[in-house]
Amino acid sequence: MRIARGLAATAATGALALGLAGTASATAQAAPAAAAASCSTSKISSYTAQGWCGSGTTWRLGIRCSTGAYQWTAWYNYSTTVRLTCAGGKLTHYWIDQK
């Protein structure tokens, strides 16, 4: 997970550098792609998070708890809202993974 985030951050930094060197139209092209993946997460309580994505996206909700444990839902490829609760400890992080 950390490696994937690091690679994504590196790729985003490279894309940003290229975008700054490019034209304004390159920036305009990136916006519709980001809008296509409509997802949201929220913290429901000190222990539970919920998330959803629109249809056409393959996604899952992930959480990290104060015990250091990571948990994920199953992968979904349709629009639904799911909740995930820490098995131990309190909720510290929550996110959506996309394929």
N, C-alpha and C. Protein backbone atom coordinates (compact mmCIF):
# COMPACT_ATOMS: atom_id res chain seq x y z
N MET A 1 0.83 -1.18 0.00
CA MET A 1 0.00 0.00 0.00
C MET A 1 0.88 1.25 0.00
N ARG A 2 1.90 1.30 0.88
CA ARG A 2 2.77 2.47 0.95
C ARG A 2 3.56 2.63 -0.33
N ILE A 3 3.97 1.52 -0.92
CA ILE A 3 4.72 1.60 -2.18
C ILE A 3 3.83 2.17 -3.27
N ALA A 4 2.57 1.69 -3.32
CA ALA A 4 1.65 2.18 -4.35
C ALA A 4 1.40 3.68 -4.17
N ARG A 5 1.24 4.12 -2.93
CA ARG A 5 1.03 5.55 -2.69
C ARG A 5 2.26 6.35 -3.08
N GLY A 6 3.45 5.81 -2.75
CA GLY A 6 4.69 6.50 -3.10
C GLY A 6 4.85 6.62 -4.60
N LEU A 7 4.53 5.54 -5.31
CA LEU A 7 4.61 5.58 -6.77
C LEU A 7 3.59 6.56 -7.35
N ALA A 8 2.37 6.55 -6.76
CA ALA A 8 1.35 7.48 -7.23
C ALA A 8 1.77 8.92 -6.98
N ALA A 9 2.38 9.18 -5.82
CA ALA A 9 2.84 10.53 -5.51
C ALA A 9 3.95 10.95 -6.46
N THR A 10 4.86 10.02 -6.77
CA THR A 10 5.94 10.31 -7.70
C THR A 10 5.39 10.60 -9.09
N ALA A 11 4.42 9.78 -9.51
CA ALA A 11 3.80 9.99 -10.83
C ALA A 11 3.06 11.32 -10.87
N ALA A 12 2.35 11.63 -9.78
CA ALA A 12 1.61 12.89 -9.73
C ALA A 12 2.57 14.08 -9.78
N THR A 13 3.68 13.98 -9.08
CA THR A 13 4.67 15.06 -9.09
C THR A 13 5.23 15.24 -10.50
N GLY A 14 5.54 14.13 -11.16
CA GLY A 14 6.04 14.20 -12.54
C GLY A 14 5.00 14.79 -13.47
N ALA A 15 3.73 14.39 -13.29
CA ALA A 15 2.66 14.92 -14.12
C ALA A 15 2.48 16.41 -13.88
N LEU A 16 2.61 16.83 -12.62
CA LEU A 16 2.50 18.24 -12.29
C LEU A 16 3.61 19.03 -12.96
N ALA A 17 4.83 18.50 -12.90
CA ALA A 17 5.95 19.20 -13.52
C ALA A 17 5.75 19.30 -15.03
N LEU A 18 5.27 18.22 -15.64
CA LEU A 18 5.00 18.26 -17.08
C LEU A 18 3.86 19.22 -17.39
N GLY A 19 2.85 19.23 -16.52
CA GLY A 19 1.70 20.11 -16.72
C GLY A 19 2.10 21.57 -16.64
N LEU A 20 3.01 21.89 -15.72
CA LEU A 20 3.46 23.27 -15.60
C LEU A 20 4.24 23.71 -16.83
N ALA A 21 4.95 22.75 -17.44
CA ALA A 21 5.72 23.08 -18.63
C ALA A 21 4.83 23.10 -19.87
N GLY A 22 3.66 22.45 -19.78
CA GLY A 22 2.76 22.35 -20.93
C GLY A 22 1.83 23.55 -21.04
N THR A 23 0.75 23.35 -21.75
CA THR A 23 -0.22 24.42 -21.97
C THR A 23 -1.39 24.28 -21.02
N ALA A 24 -2.26 25.24 -21.01
CA ALA A 24 -3.45 25.20 -20.17
C ALA A 24 -4.39 24.08 -20.60
N SER A 25 -4.37 23.68 -21.85
CA SER A 25 -5.26 22.62 -22.31
C SER A 25 -4.91 21.29 -21.67
N ALA A 26 -3.66 21.06 -21.30
CA ALA A 26 -3.27 19.82 -20.63
C ALA A 26 -3.93 19.74 -19.26
N THR A 27 -4.03 20.86 -18.57
CA THR A 27 -4.69 20.90 -17.27
C THR A 27 -6.18 20.67 -17.44
N ALA A 28 -6.79 21.22 -18.45
CA ALA A 28 -8.22 21.05 -18.69
C ALA A 28 -8.56 19.61 -19.00
N GLN A 29 -7.65 18.86 -19.62
CA GLN A 29 -7.92 17.47 -19.94
C GLN A 29 -7.92 16.61 -18.70
N ALA A 30 -7.20 16.96 -17.66
CA ALA A 30 -7.12 16.15 -16.46
C ALA A 30 -8.40 16.24 -15.63
N ALA A 31 -9.10 17.34 -15.67
CA ALA A 31 -10.27 17.54 -14.84
C ALA A 31 -11.40 16.55 -15.12
N PRO A 32 -11.81 16.28 -16.37
CA PRO A 32 -12.90 15.33 -16.58
C PRO A 32 -12.58 13.92 -16.09
N ALA A 33 -11.35 13.48 -16.18
CA ALA A 33 -10.98 12.14 -15.71
C ALA A 33 -11.18 12.05 -14.20
N ALA A 34 -10.84 13.08 -13.47
CA ALA A 34 -11.02 13.08 -12.02
C ALA A 34 -12.50 13.09 -11.67
N ALA A 35 -13.31 13.77 -12.45
CA ALA A 35 -14.73 13.85 -12.18
C ALA A 35 -15.43 12.52 -12.45
N ALA A 36 -14.89 11.69 -13.32
CA ALA A 36 -15.51 10.42 -13.67
C ALA A 36 -15.57 9.47 -12.48
N ALA A 37 -14.59 9.50 -11.61
CA ALA A 37 -14.57 8.63 -10.44
C ALA A 37 -15.17 9.37 -9.25
N SER A 38 -16.47 9.28 -9.08
CA SER A 38 -17.17 9.98 -8.02
C SER A 38 -17.23 9.10 -6.77
N CYS A 39 -16.43 9.44 -5.77
CA CYS A 39 -16.35 8.66 -4.53
C CYS A 39 -16.35 9.59 -3.34
N SER A 40 -16.73 9.04 -2.18
CA SER A 40 -16.72 9.84 -0.96
C SER A 40 -16.54 8.92 0.25
N THR A 41 -15.88 9.43 1.27
CA THR A 41 -15.74 8.72 2.54
C THR A 41 -16.11 9.66 3.68
N SER A 42 -16.51 9.09 4.79
CA SER A 42 -16.78 9.90 5.97
C SER A 42 -16.60 9.06 7.22
N LYS A 43 -16.32 9.73 8.32
CA LYS A 43 -16.16 9.08 9.62
C LYS A 43 -17.51 9.10 10.31
N ILE A 44 -18.04 7.92 10.63
CA ILE A 44 -19.35 7.81 11.26
C ILE A 44 -19.25 7.91 12.78
N SER A 45 -18.19 7.31 13.33
CA SER A 45 -17.96 7.35 14.78
C SER A 45 -16.45 7.22 15.02
N SER A 46 -16.06 7.10 16.25
CA SER A 46 -14.65 6.93 16.58
C SER A 46 -14.10 5.59 16.11
N TYR A 47 -14.99 4.69 15.70
CA TYR A 47 -14.60 3.34 15.32
C TYR A 47 -14.98 2.96 13.88
N THR A 48 -15.88 3.71 13.25
CA THR A 48 -16.49 3.31 11.98
C THR A 48 -16.37 4.40 10.92
N ALA A 49 -16.08 3.96 9.68
CA ALA A 49 -16.08 4.85 8.51
C ALA A 49 -17.04 4.28 7.48
N GLN A 50 -17.51 5.14 6.60
CA GLN A 50 -18.33 4.67 5.49
C GLN A 50 -17.84 5.29 4.21
N GLY A 51 -18.13 4.65 3.10
CA GLY A 51 -17.70 5.15 1.81
C GLY A 51 -18.61 4.66 0.70
N TRP A 52 -18.53 5.34 -0.43
CA TRP A 52 -19.27 4.93 -1.63
C TRP A 52 -18.58 5.47 -2.86
N CYS A 53 -18.84 4.83 -3.97
CA CYS A 53 -18.42 5.31 -5.29
C CYS A 53 -19.57 5.10 -6.26
N GLY A 54 -19.59 5.92 -7.29
CA GLY A 54 -20.59 5.75 -8.33
C GLY A 54 -20.32 4.51 -9.16
N SER A 55 -21.33 4.09 -9.91
CA SER A 55 -21.18 2.91 -10.75
C SER A 55 -20.14 3.17 -11.84
N GLY A 56 -19.54 2.10 -12.34
CA GLY A 56 -18.49 2.22 -13.34
C GLY A 56 -17.11 2.30 -12.72
N THR A 57 -17.03 2.24 -11.38
CA THR A 57 -15.76 2.29 -10.67
C THR A 57 -15.60 1.00 -9.87
N THR A 58 -14.43 0.37 -9.92
CA THR A 58 -14.14 -0.77 -9.07
C THR A 58 -13.40 -0.23 -7.86
N TRP A 59 -13.96 -0.45 -6.68
CA TRP A 59 -13.45 0.22 -5.49
C TRP A 59 -13.66 -0.62 -4.24
N ARG A 60 -12.98 -0.20 -3.15
CA ARG A 60 -13.19 -0.78 -1.82
C ARG A 60 -12.86 0.27 -0.78
N LEU A 61 -13.44 0.13 0.39
CA LEU A 61 -13.18 1.01 1.52
C LEU A 61 -12.09 0.39 2.37
N GLY A 62 -11.13 1.19 2.79
CA GLY A 62 -10.08 0.72 3.67
C GLY A 62 -10.00 1.58 4.91
N ILE A 63 -9.61 0.98 6.02
CA ILE A 63 -9.43 1.74 7.26
C ILE A 63 -8.16 1.28 7.96
N ARG A 64 -7.64 2.14 8.82
CA ARG A 64 -6.55 1.77 9.72
C ARG A 64 -6.99 2.13 11.13
N CYS A 65 -6.68 1.26 12.06
CA CYS A 65 -7.10 1.44 13.45
C CYS A 65 -5.90 1.77 14.32
N SER A 66 -6.18 2.27 15.51
CA SER A 66 -5.10 2.69 16.42
C SER A 66 -4.22 1.52 16.85
N THR A 67 -4.67 0.30 16.65
CA THR A 67 -3.85 -0.89 16.96
C THR A 67 -2.80 -1.12 15.88
N GLY A 68 -2.90 -0.40 14.75
CA GLY A 68 -2.00 -0.58 13.63
C GLY A 68 -2.57 -1.51 12.57
N ALA A 69 -3.72 -2.10 12.85
CA ALA A 69 -4.34 -3.04 11.90
C ALA A 69 -5.00 -2.29 10.74
N TYR A 70 -4.90 -2.89 9.55
CA TYR A 70 -5.59 -2.41 8.36
C TYR A 70 -6.75 -3.35 8.07
N GLN A 71 -7.86 -2.80 7.60
CA GLN A 71 -9.01 -3.61 7.20
C GLN A 71 -9.57 -3.05 5.89
N TRP A 72 -10.13 -3.94 5.07
CA TRP A 72 -10.75 -3.53 3.80
C TRP A 72 -12.06 -4.26 3.60
N THR A 73 -12.95 -3.65 2.85
CA THR A 73 -14.16 -4.34 2.41
C THR A 73 -13.81 -5.17 1.18
N ALA A 74 -14.77 -5.89 0.69
CA ALA A 74 -14.62 -6.57 -0.60
C ALA A 74 -14.57 -5.50 -1.69
N TRP A 75 -14.14 -5.89 -2.89
CA TRP A 75 -14.16 -4.98 -4.04
C TRP A 75 -15.58 -4.88 -4.57
N TYR A 76 -16.01 -3.68 -4.93
CA TYR A 76 -17.32 -3.45 -5.53
C TYR A 76 -17.12 -2.83 -6.91
N ASN A 77 -18.02 -3.14 -7.83
CA ASN A 77 -17.98 -2.49 -9.14
C ASN A 77 -19.34 -1.88 -9.46
N TYR A 78 -20.11 -1.58 -8.43
CA TYR A 78 -21.40 -0.92 -8.57
C TYR A 78 -21.55 0.10 -7.43
N SER A 79 -22.53 0.96 -7.56
CA SER A 79 -22.73 2.02 -6.58
C SER A 79 -23.45 1.48 -5.34
N THR A 80 -22.82 1.63 -4.21
CA THR A 80 -23.42 1.24 -2.93
C THR A 80 -22.66 1.96 -1.83
N THR A 81 -23.25 2.03 -0.66
CA THR A 81 -22.59 2.60 0.51
C THR A 81 -22.22 1.45 1.45
N VAL A 82 -20.98 1.44 1.90
CA VAL A 82 -20.52 0.39 2.82
C VAL A 82 -19.91 1.03 4.06
N ARG A 83 -19.96 0.29 5.16
CA ARG A 83 -19.35 0.73 6.42
C ARG A 83 -18.34 -0.30 6.87
N LEU A 84 -17.34 0.18 7.58
CA LEU A 84 -16.30 -0.70 8.10
C LEU A 84 -15.94 -0.22 9.50
N THR A 85 -15.90 -1.15 10.46
CA THR A 85 -15.64 -0.82 11.86
C THR A 85 -14.36 -1.50 12.32
N CYS A 86 -13.55 -0.77 13.07
CA CYS A 86 -12.31 -1.35 13.61
C CYS A 86 -12.65 -2.52 14.53
N ALA A 87 -11.95 -3.63 14.33
CA ALA A 87 -12.13 -4.80 15.19
C ALA A 87 -11.53 -4.55 16.57
N GLY A 88 -10.56 -3.66 16.65
CA GLY A 88 -9.93 -3.29 17.92
C GLY A 88 -9.35 -1.89 17.78
N GLY A 89 -9.37 -1.14 18.83
CA GLY A 89 -8.84 0.23 18.78
C GLY A 89 -9.80 1.19 18.10
N LYS A 90 -9.32 2.41 17.91
CA LYS A 90 -10.14 3.45 17.29
C LYS A 90 -9.70 3.70 15.85
N LEU A 91 -10.60 4.24 15.07
CA LEU A 91 -10.36 4.57 13.67
C LEU A 91 -9.36 5.73 13.59
N THR A 92 -8.30 5.55 12.80
CA THR A 92 -7.31 6.62 12.62
C THR A 92 -7.27 7.14 11.19
N HIS A 93 -7.49 6.27 10.19
CA HIS A 93 -7.45 6.65 8.78
C HIS A 93 -8.54 5.90 8.01
N TYR A 94 -9.04 6.50 6.94
CA TYR A 94 -10.00 5.81 6.07
C TYR A 94 -9.87 6.37 4.68
N TRP A 95 -10.11 5.51 3.66
CA TRP A 95 -9.87 5.89 2.26
C TRP A 95 -10.61 4.96 1.32
N ILE A 96 -10.64 5.32 0.06
CA ILE A 96 -11.16 4.48 -1.01
C ILE A 96 -9.99 4.07 -1.89
N ASP A 97 -9.86 2.76 -2.15
CA ASP A 97 -8.91 2.24 -3.14
C ASP A 97 -9.69 2.03 -4.43
N GLN A 98 -9.08 2.32 -5.57
CA GLN A 98 -9.71 2.08 -6.87
C GLN A 98 -8.79 1.27 -7.75
N LYS A 99 -9.39 0.40 -8.56
CA LYS A 99 -8.62 -0.38 -9.53
C LYS A 99 -8.64 0.34 -10.86
